[in-house]
Amino acid sequence: MDELPVLGRLRDGIAPGLVDTPMPREFLKNLANKDPLWASMLEKSPLQRAATPEEIVGLAVYQARDESSYTTGRSDERRVG
């Protein structure tokens, strides 16, 4: 994969941890123990809460801009905390 930057292909990722969006809510909605499971996931977060999409979007915008053209081959963790 190291040849990708030479070909003009940058590869970066965002690893935000738990984000409060419809997707995890939809996944949990039919589980019998959804409330304790959600609480357990929040407990594992440094700030004891899920991130919001608004807290993650800045990094995504940065990665899409020309200013990120020298950044490649990394994954940015946006963990609450």
Protein backbone atom coordinates (compact mmCIF):
# COMPACT_ATOMS: atom_id res chain seq x y z
CA MET A 1 0.00 0.00 0.00
CA ASP A 2 3.00 2.34 0.28
CA GLU A 3 2.79 2.97 -3.46
CA LEU A 4 -0.58 4.73 -3.16
CA PRO A 5 0.76 8.23 -2.31
CA VAL A 6 3.03 8.11 -5.38
CA LEU A 7 -0.06 7.42 -7.45
CA GLY A 8 -1.82 10.43 -5.92
CA ARG A 9 -3.97 8.34 -3.58
CA LEU A 10 -3.97 9.38 0.05
CA ARG A 11 -5.38 7.08 2.69
CA ASP A 12 -6.47 8.33 6.06
CA GLY A 13 -9.17 7.28 8.45
CA ILE A 14 -11.18 8.53 11.38
CA ALA A 15 -11.74 6.27 14.39
CA PRO A 16 -14.19 8.23 16.51
CA GLY A 17 -15.27 5.65 19.06
CA LEU A 18 -18.93 5.78 20.09
CA VAL A 19 -20.90 8.48 18.29
CA ASP A 20 -24.54 9.13 19.19
CA THR A 21 -26.20 8.66 15.82
CA PRO A 22 -29.22 6.65 14.69
CA MET A 23 -26.99 3.68 13.80
CA PRO A 24 -26.05 2.52 17.33
CA ARG A 25 -29.54 3.39 18.57
CA GLU A 26 -31.07 1.25 15.81
CA PHE A 27 -28.70 -1.62 16.63
CA LEU A 28 -29.67 -1.53 20.30
CA LYS A 29 -33.40 -0.89 20.02
CA ASN A 30 -34.49 -4.53 19.81
CA LEU A 31 -32.15 -5.84 22.50
CA ALA A 32 -33.69 -6.74 25.82
CA ASN A 33 -30.78 -5.27 27.79
CA LYS A 34 -30.26 -2.12 25.69
CA ASP A 35 -30.14 0.38 28.55
CA PRO A 36 -27.40 -1.40 30.54
CA LEU A 37 -25.48 -2.04 27.32
CA TRP A 38 -25.61 1.64 26.29
CA ALA A 39 -24.58 2.64 29.83
CA SER A 40 -21.66 0.20 29.67
CA MET A 41 -20.46 1.69 26.38
CA LEU A 42 -20.65 5.21 27.81
CA GLU A 43 -18.81 4.10 30.95
CA LYS A 44 -15.83 3.03 28.82
CA SER A 45 -15.53 6.49 27.28
CA PRO A 46 -13.15 8.91 29.06
CA LEU A 47 -15.88 11.57 29.36
CA GLN A 48 -18.58 8.98 30.05
CA ARG A 49 -20.60 10.08 27.02
CA ALA A 50 -20.83 9.51 23.29
CA ALA A 51 -19.46 12.01 20.82
CA THR A 52 -21.81 13.96 18.59
CA PRO A 53 -21.40 14.08 14.80
CA GLU A 54 -20.65 17.80 15.14
CA GLU A 55 -17.60 16.93 17.25
CA ILE A 56 -16.21 14.68 14.51
CA VAL A 57 -17.03 16.63 11.35
CA GLY A 58 -14.09 19.05 11.60
CA LEU A 59 -11.58 16.25 11.13
CA ALA A 60 -13.50 14.90 8.13
CA VAL A 61 -13.57 18.36 6.57
CA TYR A 62 -9.82 18.73 7.18
CA GLN A 63 -9.09 15.38 5.50
CA ALA A 64 -11.10 16.48 2.44
CA ARG A 65 -9.24 19.78 2.05
CA ASP A 66 -6.05 20.49 0.14
CA GLU A 67 -4.36 21.40 3.43
CA SER A 68 -4.26 17.70 4.31
CA SER A 69 -2.34 16.77 1.14
CA TYR A 70 0.82 15.88 3.10
CA THR A 71 -1.05 13.65 5.53
CA THR A 72 -1.40 10.02 4.54
CA GLY A 73 -1.41 6.55 6.05
CA ARG A 74 -2.79 7.46 9.44
CA SER A 75 -5.91 7.02 11.43
CA ASP A 76 -7.07 9.81 13.70
CA GLU A 77 -8.74 8.77 16.91
CA ARG A 78 -11.39 11.17 18.13
CA ARG A 79 -12.14 9.66 21.49
CA VAL A 80 -14.26 11.65 23.85
CA GLY A 81 -11.93 12.87 26.54
